[in-house]
N, C-alpha and C. Protein backbone atom coordinates (compact mmCIF):
# COMPACT_ATOMS: atom_id res chain seq x y z
N UNK A 1 0.86 -1.25 0.14
CA UNK A 1 0.07 -0.16 0.00
C UNK A 1 0.94 1.20 0.04
N UNK A 2 0.41 2.03 -0.83
CA UNK A 2 1.27 3.53 -0.93
C UNK A 2 0.69 4.45 0.00
N UNK A 3 1.46 4.94 0.96
CA UNK A 3 0.86 5.89 1.96
C UNK A 3 1.49 7.21 1.71
N UNK A 4 2.20 7.46 0.56
CA UNK A 4 2.84 8.74 0.37
C UNK A 4 1.53 9.80 0.10
N UNK A 5 1.67 10.97 0.51
CA UNK A 5 0.69 11.85 0.23
C UNK A 5 1.25 13.10 -0.48
N UNK A 6 0.99 13.23 -1.81
CA UNK A 6 1.68 14.34 -2.62
C UNK A 6 0.92 15.56 -2.52
N UNK A 7 -0.10 15.82 -1.67
CA UNK A 7 -0.77 17.02 -1.56
C UNK A 7 -0.30 17.94 -0.50
N UNK A 8 0.76 17.66 -0.01
CA UNK A 8 1.36 18.68 0.73
C UNK A 8 2.91 18.92 0.62
N UNK A 9 3.25 20.31 0.60
CA UNK A 9 4.55 20.69 0.39
C UNK A 9 5.54 20.64 1.47
N UNK A 10 4.84 20.54 2.77
CA UNK A 10 5.73 20.39 3.88
C UNK A 10 4.87 19.71 5.11
N UNK A 11 5.45 19.03 6.04
CA UNK A 11 4.79 18.47 7.05
C UNK A 11 5.64 19.07 8.45
N UNK A 12 4.73 19.62 9.31
CA UNK A 12 5.02 20.29 10.51
C UNK A 12 4.68 19.48 11.67
N UNK A 13 5.53 19.40 12.83
CA UNK A 13 5.40 18.98 14.08
C UNK A 13 5.56 20.17 15.06
N UNK A 14 4.39 20.49 15.54
CA UNK A 14 4.48 21.69 16.61
C UNK A 14 4.11 21.20 18.07
N UNK A 15 5.01 21.34 18.80
CA UNK A 15 4.90 21.15 20.30
C UNK A 15 4.44 22.52 20.82
N UNK A 16 3.13 22.62 21.19
CA UNK A 16 2.59 24.07 21.68
C UNK A 16 2.86 24.21 23.34
N UNK A 17 3.24 25.27 23.76
CA UNK A 17 3.58 25.28 25.17
C UNK A 17 3.29 26.74 25.65
N UNK A 18 3.29 26.98 26.78
CA UNK A 18 2.86 28.32 27.20
C UNK A 18 3.82 29.60 27.04
N UNK A 19 5.26 29.04 26.95
CA UNK A 19 6.29 30.03 26.68
C UNK A 19 7.08 29.91 25.43
N UNK A 20 7.06 28.83 24.76
CA UNK A 20 7.73 28.56 23.62
C UNK A 20 7.18 27.53 22.88
N UNK A 21 7.46 27.35 21.50
CA UNK A 21 7.04 26.21 20.76
C UNK A 21 8.14 25.52 19.95
N UNK A 22 8.40 24.40 20.04
CA UNK A 22 9.37 23.49 19.50
C UNK A 22 8.70 23.14 18.05
N UNK A 23 9.39 23.20 17.03
CA UNK A 23 8.91 23.00 15.76
C UNK A 23 9.97 22.15 14.78
N UNK A 24 9.40 21.09 14.32
CA UNK A 24 10.12 20.27 13.32
C UNK A 24 9.33 20.28 11.99
N UNK A 25 10.12 20.70 10.72
CA UNK A 25 9.52 20.78 9.43
C UNK A 25 10.35 20.06 8.57
N UNK A 26 9.46 19.08 7.79
CA UNK A 26 9.95 18.14 6.81
C UNK A 26 9.35 18.73 5.54
N UNK A 27 10.29 19.31 4.65
CA UNK A 27 9.96 19.82 3.36
C UNK A 27 9.90 18.75 2.35
N UNK A 28 8.87 18.69 1.56
CA UNK A 28 8.82 17.65 0.58
C UNK A 28 9.91 17.41 -0.34
N UNK A 29 10.38 16.37 -0.52
CA UNK A 29 11.70 16.08 -1.50
C UNK A 29 13.02 16.65 -0.94
N UNK A 30 12.96 17.05 0.41
CA UNK A 30 14.26 17.07 1.12
C UNK A 30 14.53 16.09 2.02
N UNK A 31 15.84 15.87 2.15
CA UNK A 31 16.26 14.58 2.95
C UNK A 31 16.14 14.91 4.54
N UNK A 32 16.69 16.18 4.80
CA UNK A 32 16.60 16.67 6.17
C UNK A 32 15.55 17.55 6.70
N UNK A 33 15.30 17.17 8.17
CA UNK A 33 14.36 18.01 8.67
C UNK A 33 14.86 19.35 9.35
N UNK A 34 14.42 20.47 9.50
CA UNK A 34 14.50 21.44 10.34
C UNK A 34 13.93 21.66 11.47
N UNK A 35 14.64 21.82 12.56
CA UNK A 35 14.34 22.05 13.84
C UNK A 35 14.43 23.58 14.38
N UNK A 36 13.47 23.98 14.89
CA UNK A 36 13.43 25.38 15.43
C UNK A 36 12.56 25.51 16.80
N UNK A 37 13.03 26.96 17.38
CA UNK A 37 12.06 26.96 18.53
C UNK A 37 11.66 28.50 18.30
N UNK A 38 10.41 28.76 18.68
CA UNK A 38 9.93 30.24 18.47
C UNK A 38 9.19 30.47 19.80
N UNK A 39 9.24 31.85 20.21
CA UNK A 39 8.52 32.29 21.54
C UNK A 39 7.04 32.26 21.15
N UNK A 40 6.37 32.35 22.27
CA UNK A 40 4.94 32.23 22.44
C UNK A 40 4.56 33.69 22.30
N UNK A 41 4.43 34.22 21.22
CA UNK A 41 3.95 35.52 20.92
C UNK A 41 3.32 35.70 19.45
N UNK A 42 2.24 36.40 19.27
CA UNK A 42 1.63 36.60 18.01
C UNK A 42 2.53 36.88 16.89
N UNK A 43 3.39 37.72 17.19
CA UNK A 43 4.47 38.14 16.31
C UNK A 43 5.39 36.93 15.76
N UNK A 44 5.75 36.20 16.73
CA UNK A 44 6.73 35.27 16.38
C UNK A 44 5.95 34.07 15.44
N UNK A 45 4.83 33.87 15.94
CA UNK A 45 4.12 32.78 15.33
C UNK A 45 3.76 33.30 13.81
N UNK A 46 3.26 34.67 13.70
CA UNK A 46 3.08 34.99 12.40
C UNK A 46 4.28 35.02 11.50
N UNK A 47 5.42 35.50 12.05
CA UNK A 47 6.77 35.55 11.17
C UNK A 47 7.24 34.18 10.81
N UNK A 48 6.98 33.07 11.80
CA UNK A 48 7.31 31.81 11.33
C UNK A 48 6.28 31.32 10.19
N UNK A 49 5.10 31.43 10.33
CA UNK A 49 4.04 30.84 9.45
C UNK A 49 4.54 31.54 7.98
N UNK A 50 4.50 32.85 8.03
CA UNK A 50 4.68 33.52 6.66
C UNK A 50 6.16 33.03 6.06
N UNK A 51 7.22 33.18 6.80
CA UNK A 51 8.47 32.62 6.28
C UNK A 51 8.32 31.12 5.69
N UNK A 52 7.47 30.18 6.36
CA UNK A 52 7.25 28.92 5.96
C UNK A 52 6.59 28.91 4.57
N UNK A 53 5.40 29.63 4.50
CA UNK A 53 4.74 29.76 3.39
C UNK A 53 5.43 30.27 1.96
N UNK A 54 6.37 31.37 2.35
CA UNK A 54 7.06 31.75 1.42
C UNK A 54 8.20 30.70 0.82
N UNK A 55 8.66 29.91 1.80
CA UNK A 55 9.45 28.87 1.16
C UNK A 55 9.01 27.77 0.39
N UNK A 56 7.88 27.10 1.13
CA UNK A 56 7.29 26.00 0.48
C UNK A 56 6.35 26.34 -0.65
N UNK A 57 5.67 27.24 -0.72
CA UNK A 57 4.50 27.63 -1.58
C UNK A 57 3.45 26.57 -1.90
N UNK A 58 2.85 26.11 -0.80
CA UNK A 58 1.98 24.99 -1.13
C UNK A 58 1.21 24.62 0.16
N UNK A 59 0.41 23.54 0.11
CA UNK A 59 -0.25 23.15 1.34
C UNK A 59 0.76 22.39 2.43
N UNK A 60 0.35 22.71 3.56
CA UNK A 60 1.22 22.40 4.81
C UNK A 60 0.20 21.69 5.77
N UNK A 61 0.83 20.42 5.87
CA UNK A 61 0.09 19.45 7.06
C UNK A 61 0.65 19.79 8.39
N UNK A 62 -0.11 20.01 9.43
CA UNK A 62 0.52 20.41 10.71
C UNK A 62 0.02 19.45 11.68
N UNK A 63 0.79 18.99 12.44
CA UNK A 63 0.51 18.22 13.72
C UNK A 63 0.81 19.01 14.92
N UNK A 64 -0.23 19.15 15.82
CA UNK A 64 0.08 20.12 17.00
C UNK A 64 -0.09 19.02 18.13
N UNK A 65 0.88 19.38 19.12
CA UNK A 65 0.95 18.49 20.35
C UNK A 65 0.54 19.73 21.58
N UNK A 66 -0.44 19.29 22.27
CA UNK A 66 -0.71 20.29 23.43
C UNK A 66 -1.10 19.39 24.60
N UNK A 67 -0.31 19.64 25.82
CA UNK A 67 -0.45 18.84 27.00
C UNK A 67 -1.54 19.01 27.77
N UNK A 68 -1.74 20.37 28.21
CA UNK A 68 -2.65 20.73 29.13
C UNK A 68 -4.07 21.09 28.65
N UNK A 69 -4.97 21.06 29.31
CA UNK A 69 -6.46 21.45 29.00
C UNK A 69 -6.61 22.84 28.46
N UNK A 70 -6.09 23.58 29.11
CA UNK A 70 -5.98 25.01 28.63
C UNK A 70 -5.73 25.26 27.31
N UNK A 71 -4.50 24.62 27.02
CA UNK A 71 -3.96 24.74 25.51
C UNK A 71 -4.89 24.03 24.48
N UNK A 72 -5.43 22.84 24.92
CA UNK A 72 -6.40 22.10 23.89
C UNK A 72 -7.52 22.90 23.74
N UNK A 73 -7.99 23.60 24.58
CA UNK A 73 -9.51 24.34 24.52
C UNK A 73 -9.10 25.73 24.01
N UNK A 74 -8.14 26.29 24.28
CA UNK A 74 -8.11 27.66 23.62
C UNK A 74 -7.27 27.87 22.69
N UNK A 75 -6.29 27.16 22.37
CA UNK A 75 -5.45 27.49 21.20
C UNK A 75 -5.40 26.73 20.03
N UNK A 76 -6.00 25.50 20.04
CA UNK A 76 -6.02 24.61 18.82
C UNK A 76 -6.76 25.16 17.54
N UNK A 77 -7.99 25.70 18.16
CA UNK A 77 -8.86 26.33 17.10
C UNK A 77 -8.39 27.44 16.44
N UNK A 78 -7.71 28.53 17.25
CA UNK A 78 -7.06 29.59 16.64
C UNK A 78 -5.92 29.11 15.56
N UNK A 79 -5.07 28.16 16.13
CA UNK A 79 -3.84 27.75 15.38
C UNK A 79 -4.20 27.26 14.02
N UNK A 80 -5.13 26.54 13.97
CA UNK A 80 -5.50 25.68 12.64
C UNK A 80 -6.04 26.72 11.67
N UNK A 81 -7.03 27.57 12.32
CA UNK A 81 -7.64 28.61 11.43
C UNK A 81 -6.64 29.80 10.84
N UNK A 82 -5.68 30.07 11.81
CA UNK A 82 -4.62 30.88 11.47
C UNK A 82 -3.81 30.45 10.41
N UNK A 83 -3.27 29.22 10.42
CA UNK A 83 -2.51 28.71 9.29
C UNK A 83 -3.21 28.62 8.15
N UNK A 84 -4.70 28.24 8.11
CA UNK A 84 -5.45 28.16 6.81
C UNK A 84 -5.49 29.71 6.32
N UNK A 85 -5.84 30.46 7.33
CA UNK A 85 -5.96 31.83 6.66
C UNK A 85 -4.75 32.52 5.90
N UNK A 86 -3.62 32.06 6.53
CA UNK A 86 -2.31 32.61 6.01
C UNK A 86 -2.16 31.82 4.66
N UNK A 87 -2.47 30.73 4.58
CA UNK A 87 -2.16 29.87 3.41
C UNK A 87 -3.21 30.41 2.22
N UNK A 88 -4.46 30.91 2.56
CA UNK A 88 -5.43 31.40 1.62
C UNK A 88 -5.02 32.71 1.23
N UNK A 89 -4.36 33.49 2.18
CA UNK A 89 -3.99 34.76 1.83
C UNK A 89 -2.74 34.92 0.73
N UNK A 90 -1.85 33.90 0.99
CA UNK A 90 -0.52 33.89 0.13
C UNK A 90 -0.97 33.14 -1.26
């Protein structure tokens, strides 16, 4: 069975926390992954999302890890819609 999904230009793993966010990005057709950490601020998140979209110019799959209930309830909805809105904007 072929599980390859060609609909995405990049795959992101995002560990969402209250002070910082650890990120792993695998760009399609690149062998290595990029790891980074951004601060927990709207500006940092915005800058990171915009830079990623400029680099990959396509759909991005995002998996978000959130540990506590506060994060699950308040942030996930914002983050998913925010990334979709930036993708639509570009």
